[in-house]
Amino acid sequence: MPRDMFADQQQRLQNLLRQVRLDAGLTQAELGKLLGQHQSFVSKYESGERRLDLIEVWRICEAVGITMHEFACRFEESLQ
């Protein structure tokens, strides 16, 4: 399957990841610190340079104070 086949969905995921960080009132550096990572880690996944696995998304959700369920629902809403 071509990687760009899901380009629109990937962009929406990146936008949502950025939005939940902003909703939590966190900078990239602050979120990176909560995750035990550098600011560049957050920048790379928000820009699409790096993809995340499910455990990483779960950790991000915990850090910004939302559940995986809420995140998944918001992602589904963004696709409609």
C-alpha atoms as a PDB file:
ATOM      1  CA  MET A   1       0.000   0.000   0.000  1.00  0.00           C
ATOM      2  CA  PRO A   2       1.464   3.398  -0.932  1.00  0.00           C
ATOM      3  CA  ARG A   3       2.372   5.500   2.076  1.00  0.00           C
ATOM      4  CA  ASP A   4       0.519   8.543   0.746  1.00  0.00           C
ATOM      5  CA  MET A   5      -2.714   6.578   0.428  1.00  0.00           C
ATOM      6  CA  PHE A   6      -3.689   7.830   3.888  1.00  0.00           C
ATOM      7  CA  ALA A   7      -2.113  11.284   3.590  1.00  0.00           C
ATOM      8  CA  ASP A   8      -5.340  13.109   4.474  1.00  0.00           C
ATOM      9  CA  GLN A   9      -5.971  10.954   7.530  1.00  0.00           C
ATOM     10  CA  GLN A  10      -2.337  11.324   8.616  1.00  0.00           C
ATOM     11  CA  GLN A  11      -2.605  15.113   8.353  1.00  0.00           C
ATOM     12  CA  ARG A  12      -5.771  15.069  10.456  1.00  0.00           C
ATOM     13  CA  LEU A  13      -4.009  12.917  13.059  1.00  0.00           C
ATOM     14  CA  GLN A  14      -1.090  15.353  13.185  1.00  0.00           C
ATOM     15  CA  ASN A  15      -3.506  18.267  13.568  1.00  0.00           C
ATOM     16  CA  LEU A  16      -5.321  16.498  16.406  1.00  0.00           C
ATOM     17  CA  LEU A  17      -2.081  15.662  18.201  1.00  0.00           C
ATOM     18  CA  ARG A  18      -1.111  19.327  18.021  1.00  0.00           C
ATOM     19  CA  GLN A  19      -4.579  20.450  19.129  1.00  0.00           C
ATOM     20  CA  VAL A  20      -4.707  18.227  22.219  1.00  0.00           C
ATOM     21  CA  ARG A  21      -1.306  19.601  23.248  1.00  0.00           C
ATOM     22  CA  LEU A  22      -2.512  23.167  22.798  1.00  0.00           C
ATOM     23  CA  ASP A  23      -5.788  22.393  24.605  1.00  0.00           C
ATOM     24  CA  ALA A  24      -3.686  21.212  27.549  1.00  0.00           C
ATOM     25  CA  GLY A  25      -1.812  24.530  27.487  1.00  0.00           C
ATOM     26  CA  LEU A  26       1.528  22.881  26.800  1.00  0.00           C
ATOM     27  CA  THR A  27       4.415  23.879  24.586  1.00  0.00           C
ATOM     28  CA  GLN A  28       6.241  21.231  22.600  1.00  0.00           C
ATOM     29  CA  ALA A  29       9.108  21.455  25.086  1.00  0.00           C
ATOM     30  CA  GLU A  30       6.802  21.012  28.085  1.00  0.00           C
ATOM     31  CA  LEU A  31       5.078  17.996  26.561  1.00  0.00           C
ATOM     32  CA  GLY A  32       8.415  16.523  25.563  1.00  0.00           C
ATOM     33  CA  LYS A  33       9.595  16.814  29.150  1.00  0.00           C
ATOM     34  CA  LEU A  34       6.446  15.086  30.444  1.00  0.00           C
ATOM     35  CA  LEU A  35       7.111  12.273  27.977  1.00  0.00           C
ATOM     36  CA  GLY A  36      10.799  12.026  28.865  1.00  0.00           C
ATOM     37  CA  GLN A  37      11.701  13.216  25.373  1.00  0.00           C
ATOM     38  CA  HIS A  38      13.158  16.291  23.721  1.00  0.00           C
ATOM     39  CA  GLN A  39      11.053  19.015  22.115  1.00  0.00           C
ATOM     40  CA  SER A  40      12.166  17.709  18.732  1.00  0.00           C
ATOM     41  CA  PHE A  41      10.293  14.429  19.366  1.00  0.00           C
ATOM     42  CA  VAL A  42       7.019  16.347  19.617  1.00  0.00           C
ATOM     43  CA  SER A  43       7.891  18.547  16.651  1.00  0.00           C
ATOM     44  CA  LYS A  44       8.675  15.549  14.472  1.00  0.00           C
ATOM     45  CA  TYR A  45       5.417  13.710  15.102  1.00  0.00           C
ATOM     46  CA  GLU A  46       3.341  16.879  14.816  1.00  0.00           C
ATOM     47  CA  SER A  47       4.955  17.645  11.442  1.00  0.00           C
ATOM     48  CA  GLY A  48       4.624  14.084  10.172  1.00  0.00           C
ATOM     49  CA  GLU A  49       8.358  13.489  10.052  1.00  0.00           C
ATOM     50  CA  ARG A  50       7.908  10.705  12.606  1.00  0.00           C
ATOM     51  CA  ARG A  51       5.035   8.286  13.078  1.00  0.00           C
ATOM     52  CA  LEU A  52       3.843   7.081  16.465  1.00  0.00           C
ATOM     53  CA  ASP A  53       2.914   3.658  17.710  1.00  0.00           C
ATOM     54  CA  LEU A  54      -0.165   3.053  19.843  1.00  0.00           C
ATOM     55  CA  ILE A  55       1.745   3.062  23.142  1.00  0.00           C
ATOM     56  CA  GLU A  56       3.248   6.457  22.302  1.00  0.00           C
ATOM     57  CA  VAL A  57      -0.201   7.875  21.516  1.00  0.00           C
ATOM     58  CA  TRP A  58      -1.471   6.469  24.823  1.00  0.00           C
ATOM     59  CA  ARG A  59       1.400   8.180  26.689  1.00  0.00           C
ATOM     60  CA  ILE A  60       0.650  11.472  24.940  1.00  0.00           C
ATOM     61  CA  CYS A  61      -3.017  11.187  25.901  1.00  0.00           C
ATOM     62  CA  GLU A  62      -2.064  10.614  29.529  1.00  0.00           C
ATOM     63  CA  ALA A  63       0.299  13.590  29.470  1.00  0.00           C
ATOM     64  CA  VAL A  64      -2.344  15.956  28.081  1.00  0.00           C
ATOM     65  CA  GLY A  65      -5.087  14.640  30.367  1.00  0.00           C
ATOM     66  CA  ILE A  66      -7.408  12.841  27.962  1.00  0.00           C
ATOM     67  CA  THR A  67      -8.320   9.194  27.495  1.00  0.00           C
ATOM     68  CA  MET A  68      -7.495   7.118  24.447  1.00  0.00           C
ATOM     69  CA  HIS A  69     -11.253   6.778  23.950  1.00  0.00           C
ATOM     70  CA  GLU A  70     -11.694  10.550  23.821  1.00  0.00           C
ATOM     71  CA  PHE A  71      -8.741  10.858  21.449  1.00  0.00           C
ATOM     72  CA  ALA A  72     -10.124   8.157  19.140  1.00  0.00           C
ATOM     73  CA  CYS A  73     -13.575   9.775  19.129  1.00  0.00           C
ATOM     74  CA  ARG A  74     -12.087  13.154  18.269  1.00  0.00           C
ATOM     75  CA  PHE A  75     -10.046  11.552  15.495  1.00  0.00           C
ATOM     76  CA  GLU A  76     -13.136   9.862  14.050  1.00  0.00           C
ATOM     77  CA  GLU A  77     -15.022  13.166  14.189  1.00  0.00           C
ATOM     78  CA  SER A  78     -12.199  14.848  12.269  1.00  0.00           C
ATOM     79  CA  LEU A  79     -12.616  12.327   9.456  1.00  0.00           C
ATOM     80  CA  GLN A  80     -16.268  13.165   8.860  1.00  0.00           C
END
